[in-house]
N, C-alpha and C. Protein backbone atom coordinates (compact mmCIF):
# COMPACT_ATOMS: atom_id res chain seq x y z
N MET A 1 46.90 -57.24 12.72
CA MET A 1 45.74 -56.55 12.22
C MET A 1 44.48 -57.34 12.51
N ALA A 2 43.43 -56.60 12.66
CA ALA A 2 42.14 -57.23 12.96
C ALA A 2 41.59 -57.90 11.71
N SER A 3 40.74 -58.85 11.92
CA SER A 3 40.10 -59.50 10.77
C SER A 3 38.60 -59.43 10.93
N GLY A 4 37.92 -59.52 9.83
CA GLY A 4 36.48 -59.71 9.77
C GLY A 4 35.58 -58.71 10.45
N SER A 5 35.58 -58.62 11.76
CA SER A 5 34.56 -57.83 12.45
C SER A 5 34.88 -56.35 12.44
N GLY A 6 33.84 -55.54 12.53
CA GLY A 6 34.01 -54.11 12.47
C GLY A 6 34.55 -53.49 13.74
N ASP A 7 34.37 -54.12 14.86
CA ASP A 7 34.83 -53.56 16.12
C ASP A 7 35.72 -54.56 16.84
N ALA A 8 36.88 -54.80 16.29
CA ALA A 8 37.83 -55.71 16.91
C ALA A 8 38.36 -55.11 18.19
N GLU A 9 39.05 -55.92 18.98
CA GLU A 9 39.61 -55.46 20.23
C GLU A 9 40.53 -54.27 19.99
N GLY A 10 40.46 -53.27 20.85
CA GLY A 10 41.23 -52.05 20.68
C GLY A 10 42.68 -52.20 21.11
N ASP A 11 43.51 -51.21 20.74
CA ASP A 11 44.90 -51.20 21.16
C ASP A 11 45.02 -50.42 22.47
N ALA A 12 46.23 -50.11 22.87
CA ALA A 12 46.46 -49.45 24.16
C ALA A 12 45.77 -48.09 24.24
N GLU A 13 45.61 -47.40 23.09
CA GLU A 13 44.97 -46.10 23.08
C GLU A 13 43.45 -46.21 22.91
N GLY A 14 42.94 -47.43 22.83
CA GLY A 14 41.50 -47.63 22.66
C GLY A 14 41.05 -47.67 21.22
N ALA A 15 41.97 -47.52 20.27
CA ALA A 15 41.59 -47.55 18.86
C ALA A 15 41.38 -48.99 18.42
N ALA A 16 40.42 -49.18 17.54
CA ALA A 16 40.13 -50.50 16.98
C ALA A 16 39.74 -50.32 15.52
N TRP A 17 39.81 -51.39 14.75
CA TRP A 17 39.40 -51.34 13.36
C TRP A 17 37.89 -51.27 13.29
N ARG A 18 37.37 -50.23 12.65
CA ARG A 18 35.93 -50.00 12.53
C ARG A 18 35.49 -50.26 11.09
N LEU A 19 34.54 -51.15 10.91
CA LEU A 19 34.00 -51.42 9.58
C LEU A 19 33.21 -50.21 9.11
N ILE A 20 33.57 -49.69 7.93
CA ILE A 20 32.87 -48.53 7.39
C ILE A 20 31.87 -48.97 6.32
N GLY A 21 32.29 -49.86 5.44
CA GLY A 21 31.38 -50.35 4.41
C GLY A 21 32.14 -50.91 3.23
N PRO A 22 31.40 -51.32 2.19
CA PRO A 22 32.03 -51.91 1.01
C PRO A 22 32.83 -50.87 0.20
N ALA A 23 34.05 -51.26 -0.16
CA ALA A 23 34.91 -50.36 -0.94
C ALA A 23 34.26 -49.98 -2.26
N SER A 24 33.51 -50.89 -2.86
CA SER A 24 32.87 -50.61 -4.15
C SER A 24 31.89 -49.46 -4.05
N GLU A 25 31.22 -49.33 -2.91
CA GLU A 25 30.28 -48.23 -2.70
C GLU A 25 31.01 -46.96 -2.25
N LEU A 26 31.94 -47.11 -1.32
CA LEU A 26 32.63 -45.94 -0.75
C LEU A 26 33.53 -45.25 -1.77
N SER A 27 33.97 -45.96 -2.79
CA SER A 27 34.86 -45.37 -3.79
C SER A 27 34.10 -44.51 -4.81
N ARG A 28 32.79 -44.45 -4.70
CA ARG A 28 31.99 -43.65 -5.64
C ARG A 28 32.00 -42.15 -5.33
N LYS A 29 32.43 -41.79 -4.12
CA LYS A 29 32.47 -40.37 -3.73
C LYS A 29 33.88 -40.02 -3.27
N ARG A 30 34.27 -38.79 -3.57
CA ARG A 30 35.60 -38.30 -3.19
C ARG A 30 35.77 -38.21 -1.67
N CYS A 31 34.71 -37.83 -0.97
CA CYS A 31 34.80 -37.70 0.49
C CYS A 31 33.47 -38.03 1.13
N ARG A 32 33.56 -38.73 2.24
CA ARG A 32 32.37 -39.05 3.04
C ARG A 32 32.65 -38.68 4.49
N LEU A 33 31.67 -38.05 5.11
CA LEU A 33 31.77 -37.72 6.53
C LEU A 33 31.35 -38.94 7.33
N MET A 34 32.19 -39.32 8.28
CA MET A 34 31.87 -40.42 9.19
C MET A 34 31.64 -39.82 10.57
N TYR A 35 30.48 -40.08 11.11
CA TYR A 35 30.09 -39.54 12.41
C TYR A 35 30.66 -40.42 13.52
N SER A 36 31.23 -39.78 14.52
CA SER A 36 31.84 -40.49 15.64
C SER A 36 30.87 -40.56 16.82
N SER A 37 30.89 -41.68 17.52
CA SER A 37 30.08 -41.80 18.74
C SER A 37 30.61 -40.91 19.85
N LEU A 38 31.81 -40.36 19.69
CA LEU A 38 32.37 -39.43 20.67
C LEU A 38 31.89 -38.00 20.47
N GLY A 39 31.19 -37.75 19.35
CA GLY A 39 30.63 -36.43 19.10
C GLY A 39 31.26 -35.69 17.94
N TYR A 40 30.71 -34.53 17.69
CA TYR A 40 31.03 -33.66 16.55
C TYR A 40 32.52 -33.46 16.33
N ASP A 41 33.26 -33.17 17.38
CA ASP A 41 34.69 -32.87 17.25
C ASP A 41 35.53 -34.09 16.92
N SER A 42 34.95 -35.28 16.96
CA SER A 42 35.69 -36.50 16.66
C SER A 42 35.27 -37.13 15.32
N ASP A 43 34.42 -36.43 14.56
CA ASP A 43 34.02 -36.94 13.25
C ASP A 43 35.25 -37.05 12.34
N VAL A 44 35.15 -37.92 11.34
CA VAL A 44 36.28 -38.24 10.47
C VAL A 44 35.84 -38.13 9.01
N CYS A 45 36.73 -37.63 8.16
CA CYS A 45 36.52 -37.65 6.71
C CYS A 45 37.18 -38.89 6.14
N LEU A 46 36.46 -39.59 5.28
CA LEU A 46 37.04 -40.70 4.52
C LEU A 46 37.15 -40.21 3.08
N PHE A 47 38.39 -40.04 2.62
CA PHE A 47 38.65 -39.58 1.26
C PHE A 47 38.97 -40.77 0.37
N TYR A 48 38.55 -40.69 -0.89
CA TYR A 48 38.94 -41.66 -1.90
C TYR A 48 39.53 -40.88 -3.07
N VAL A 49 40.85 -40.98 -3.23
CA VAL A 49 41.56 -40.20 -4.23
C VAL A 49 42.59 -41.09 -4.92
N LYS A 50 42.56 -41.08 -6.25
CA LYS A 50 43.53 -41.82 -7.06
C LYS A 50 43.63 -43.28 -6.64
N GLY A 51 42.47 -43.90 -6.37
CA GLY A 51 42.43 -45.32 -6.05
C GLY A 51 42.81 -45.69 -4.63
N GLU A 52 42.96 -44.70 -3.74
CA GLU A 52 43.32 -44.96 -2.34
C GLU A 52 42.35 -44.28 -1.39
N PHE A 53 42.18 -44.91 -0.23
CA PHE A 53 41.38 -44.33 0.84
C PHE A 53 42.30 -43.68 1.87
N PHE A 54 41.86 -42.54 2.40
CA PHE A 54 42.58 -41.83 3.46
C PHE A 54 41.55 -41.38 4.49
N ALA A 55 41.95 -41.28 5.76
CA ALA A 55 41.03 -40.82 6.80
C ALA A 55 41.75 -39.80 7.69
N MET A 56 41.04 -38.72 8.00
CA MET A 56 41.57 -37.70 8.92
C MET A 56 40.41 -37.01 9.63
N ASP A 57 40.74 -36.31 10.71
CA ASP A 57 39.71 -35.56 11.42
C ASP A 57 38.95 -34.68 10.43
N ALA A 58 37.64 -34.60 10.61
CA ALA A 58 36.78 -33.90 9.66
C ALA A 58 36.82 -32.39 9.80
N ARG A 59 37.23 -31.88 10.95
CA ARG A 59 37.23 -30.44 11.18
C ARG A 59 38.67 -29.91 11.15
N CYS A 60 38.90 -28.87 10.40
CA CYS A 60 40.23 -28.27 10.28
C CYS A 60 40.76 -27.86 11.66
N SER A 61 42.02 -28.16 11.90
CA SER A 61 42.62 -27.83 13.20
C SER A 61 42.82 -26.33 13.39
N HIS A 62 42.64 -25.53 12.36
CA HIS A 62 42.77 -24.08 12.49
C HIS A 62 41.51 -23.48 13.12
N SER A 63 40.36 -23.63 12.43
CA SER A 63 39.11 -23.02 12.93
C SER A 63 37.89 -23.93 12.80
N GLY A 64 38.12 -25.21 12.55
CA GLY A 64 37.00 -26.15 12.51
C GLY A 64 36.28 -26.25 11.18
N GLY A 65 36.89 -25.76 10.11
CA GLY A 65 36.26 -25.84 8.79
C GLY A 65 36.01 -27.28 8.35
N PRO A 66 35.00 -27.49 7.50
CA PRO A 66 34.62 -28.84 7.05
C PRO A 66 35.53 -29.34 5.93
N LEU A 67 36.49 -30.18 6.26
CA LEU A 67 37.46 -30.62 5.27
C LEU A 67 36.84 -31.47 4.16
N CYS A 68 35.72 -32.12 4.41
CA CYS A 68 35.06 -32.89 3.34
C CYS A 68 34.61 -31.99 2.19
N GLU A 69 34.47 -30.71 2.46
CA GLU A 69 34.05 -29.76 1.42
C GLU A 69 35.24 -29.09 0.75
N GLY A 70 36.46 -29.45 1.17
CA GLY A 70 37.65 -28.82 0.63
C GLY A 70 38.09 -29.39 -0.70
N ASP A 71 38.88 -28.61 -1.44
CA ASP A 71 39.47 -29.06 -2.69
C ASP A 71 40.64 -29.99 -2.41
N ILE A 72 40.84 -30.95 -3.30
CA ILE A 72 41.99 -31.85 -3.19
C ILE A 72 42.87 -31.61 -4.40
N GLU A 73 44.16 -31.41 -4.15
CA GLU A 73 45.13 -31.18 -5.21
C GLU A 73 46.36 -32.02 -4.96
N GLU A 74 47.07 -32.31 -6.04
CA GLU A 74 48.34 -33.02 -5.94
C GLU A 74 49.45 -32.09 -6.38
N ALA A 75 50.49 -31.98 -5.55
CA ALA A 75 51.66 -31.17 -5.88
C ALA A 75 52.90 -31.97 -5.50
N ASP A 76 53.77 -32.18 -6.47
CA ASP A 76 55.01 -32.95 -6.24
C ASP A 76 54.72 -34.32 -5.63
N GLY A 77 53.66 -34.95 -6.08
CA GLY A 77 53.33 -36.29 -5.60
C GLY A 77 52.64 -36.33 -4.25
N VAL A 78 52.32 -35.17 -3.68
CA VAL A 78 51.66 -35.10 -2.37
C VAL A 78 50.20 -34.73 -2.57
N LEU A 79 49.30 -35.59 -2.10
CA LEU A 79 47.87 -35.30 -2.14
C LEU A 79 47.50 -34.47 -0.92
N GLN A 80 46.84 -33.33 -1.17
CA GLN A 80 46.50 -32.42 -0.08
C GLN A 80 45.03 -32.03 -0.18
N VAL A 81 44.41 -31.84 0.99
CA VAL A 81 43.08 -31.26 1.05
C VAL A 81 43.24 -29.83 1.56
N PHE A 82 42.44 -28.93 0.98
CA PHE A 82 42.49 -27.52 1.38
C PHE A 82 41.20 -27.16 2.09
N CYS A 83 41.33 -26.61 3.28
CA CYS A 83 40.15 -26.20 4.03
C CYS A 83 39.40 -25.12 3.26
N PRO A 84 38.07 -25.28 3.11
CA PRO A 84 37.30 -24.30 2.35
C PRO A 84 37.15 -22.95 3.06
N TRP A 85 37.43 -22.88 4.34
CA TRP A 85 37.27 -21.62 5.06
C TRP A 85 38.46 -20.69 4.92
N HIS A 86 39.69 -21.19 5.15
CA HIS A 86 40.86 -20.32 5.14
C HIS A 86 42.00 -20.86 4.29
N ASP A 87 41.72 -21.90 3.50
CA ASP A 87 42.67 -22.45 2.53
C ASP A 87 43.91 -23.09 3.14
N TYR A 88 43.84 -23.54 4.39
CA TYR A 88 44.97 -24.29 4.96
C TYR A 88 45.02 -25.65 4.27
N ASP A 89 46.24 -26.13 4.01
CA ASP A 89 46.42 -27.40 3.31
C ASP A 89 46.90 -28.48 4.27
N PHE A 90 46.47 -29.73 4.02
CA PHE A 90 46.88 -30.86 4.84
C PHE A 90 47.17 -32.06 3.94
N ASP A 91 48.32 -32.68 4.15
CA ASP A 91 48.71 -33.89 3.43
C ASP A 91 47.76 -35.02 3.84
N LEU A 92 47.13 -35.67 2.87
CA LEU A 92 46.17 -36.73 3.19
C LEU A 92 46.82 -37.93 3.88
N ARG A 93 48.11 -38.17 3.63
CA ARG A 93 48.80 -39.32 4.23
C ARG A 93 49.28 -39.03 5.66
N THR A 94 49.79 -37.83 5.89
CA THR A 94 50.46 -37.54 7.17
C THR A 94 49.72 -36.53 8.04
N GLY A 95 48.84 -35.73 7.45
CA GLY A 95 48.17 -34.67 8.19
C GLY A 95 48.99 -33.41 8.30
N SER A 96 50.23 -33.43 7.80
CA SER A 96 51.11 -32.26 7.86
C SER A 96 50.58 -31.15 6.98
N SER A 97 50.97 -29.93 7.35
CA SER A 97 50.54 -28.75 6.62
C SER A 97 51.75 -27.91 6.24
N GLY A 98 51.55 -26.98 5.32
CA GLY A 98 52.59 -26.01 5.00
C GLY A 98 52.79 -25.00 6.12
N THR A 99 51.93 -25.09 7.14
CA THR A 99 52.02 -24.22 8.32
C THR A 99 52.43 -25.09 9.51
N SER A 100 52.31 -24.58 10.70
CA SER A 100 52.62 -25.37 11.89
C SER A 100 51.45 -26.27 12.30
N LEU A 101 50.32 -26.17 11.59
CA LEU A 101 49.14 -26.98 11.91
C LEU A 101 49.32 -28.41 11.46
N LYS A 102 48.59 -29.31 12.10
CA LYS A 102 48.61 -30.72 11.73
C LYS A 102 47.24 -31.31 12.00
N GLN A 103 46.78 -32.17 11.09
CA GLN A 103 45.52 -32.90 11.26
C GLN A 103 45.82 -34.31 11.73
N GLN A 104 44.96 -34.85 12.56
CA GLN A 104 45.07 -36.25 12.97
C GLN A 104 44.63 -37.11 11.79
N VAL A 105 45.48 -38.07 11.41
CA VAL A 105 45.11 -39.03 10.38
C VAL A 105 44.93 -40.40 11.02
N TYR A 106 44.21 -41.26 10.32
CA TYR A 106 43.89 -42.59 10.84
C TYR A 106 44.25 -43.64 9.80
N GLU A 107 44.67 -44.81 10.29
CA GLU A 107 44.98 -45.92 9.39
C GLU A 107 43.71 -46.41 8.71
N VAL A 108 43.85 -46.78 7.45
CA VAL A 108 42.74 -47.34 6.68
C VAL A 108 43.23 -48.65 6.09
N LYS A 109 42.37 -49.66 6.08
CA LYS A 109 42.74 -50.91 5.42
C LYS A 109 41.54 -51.45 4.64
N LEU A 110 41.85 -52.21 3.61
CA LEU A 110 40.85 -52.92 2.83
C LEU A 110 41.00 -54.40 3.16
N GLU A 111 39.87 -55.03 3.46
CA GLU A 111 39.89 -56.45 3.78
C GLU A 111 38.56 -57.05 3.35
N GLY A 112 38.62 -58.09 2.55
CA GLY A 112 37.39 -58.75 2.12
C GLY A 112 36.45 -57.83 1.36
N GLY A 113 36.99 -56.86 0.65
CA GLY A 113 36.17 -55.92 -0.11
C GLY A 113 35.57 -54.80 0.72
N ASN A 114 35.91 -54.74 2.01
CA ASN A 114 35.39 -53.70 2.91
C ASN A 114 36.49 -52.74 3.34
N VAL A 115 36.08 -51.53 3.69
CA VAL A 115 36.99 -50.49 4.19
C VAL A 115 36.86 -50.45 5.71
N TYR A 116 38.01 -50.42 6.38
CA TYR A 116 38.08 -50.30 7.83
C TYR A 116 38.94 -49.09 8.18
N VAL A 117 38.57 -48.39 9.24
CA VAL A 117 39.35 -47.26 9.74
C VAL A 117 39.67 -47.54 11.21
N LYS A 118 40.92 -47.33 11.59
CA LYS A 118 41.33 -47.54 12.99
C LYS A 118 41.04 -46.26 13.77
N HIS A 119 40.10 -46.35 14.71
CA HIS A 119 39.65 -45.16 15.44
C HIS A 119 39.21 -45.57 16.84
N ALA A 120 39.23 -44.62 17.76
CA ALA A 120 38.87 -44.88 19.16
C ALA A 120 37.37 -45.01 19.39
N SER A 121 36.55 -44.59 18.42
CA SER A 121 35.10 -44.65 18.63
C SER A 121 34.41 -45.37 17.48
N ARG A 122 33.16 -45.68 17.70
CA ARG A 122 32.32 -46.21 16.64
C ARG A 122 32.14 -45.11 15.60
N LEU A 123 32.20 -45.48 14.31
CA LEU A 123 32.02 -44.52 13.22
C LEU A 123 30.83 -44.95 12.38
N SER A 124 30.06 -43.99 11.90
CA SER A 124 28.87 -44.28 11.10
C SER A 124 28.76 -43.29 9.95
N LEU A 125 28.28 -43.78 8.82
CA LEU A 125 28.02 -42.88 7.69
C LEU A 125 26.72 -42.12 7.86
N GLN A 126 25.93 -42.50 8.86
CA GLN A 126 24.67 -41.82 9.18
C GLN A 126 24.84 -41.11 10.52
N PRO A 127 24.20 -39.95 10.69
CA PRO A 127 24.29 -39.25 11.98
C PRO A 127 23.84 -40.15 13.13
N LEU A 128 24.55 -40.04 14.23
CA LEU A 128 24.21 -40.81 15.43
C LEU A 128 23.34 -39.94 16.34
N LEU A 129 22.40 -40.54 17.02
CA LEU A 129 21.51 -39.78 17.91
C LEU A 129 22.28 -39.03 18.98
N ASP A 130 23.38 -39.62 19.45
CA ASP A 130 24.17 -38.99 20.51
C ASP A 130 25.27 -38.10 19.93
N ASN A 131 25.20 -37.76 18.63
CA ASN A 131 26.24 -36.97 17.97
C ASN A 131 25.72 -35.57 17.64
N GLN A 132 25.23 -34.87 18.64
CA GLN A 132 24.68 -33.54 18.44
C GLN A 132 25.81 -32.51 18.42
N LYS A 133 25.68 -31.49 17.56
CA LYS A 133 26.70 -30.44 17.48
C LYS A 133 26.69 -29.65 18.80
N SER A 134 27.89 -29.45 19.32
CA SER A 134 28.01 -28.73 20.60
C SER A 134 27.75 -27.26 20.43
């Protein structure tokens, strides 16, 4: 695992640990949109639920709905986010759904009081100039 820096050397797929920010601040909101330097379709949701952080693609794999705006429920010990557009559900840990759909999930780690997400691009809590909606 990477240490300290936000953009450690990437793995074979180009993913690297990206520093997102202090856990004490990020844990204040249920979901935060992280903007990707790869553009709109690569943005990521960072969820904080029941004392844990989870990360997955921000747009629903069905029709692109904003998952950060979805409801989160627990059923049989499984935390799920529901897309606000068509109510598709996705397991926050695995990205699996009750349908054939699946969301890409990303590893999250806490180190030195900071949250890191393993992703192929730079991630920012603020919109990036090169992150215009297509």
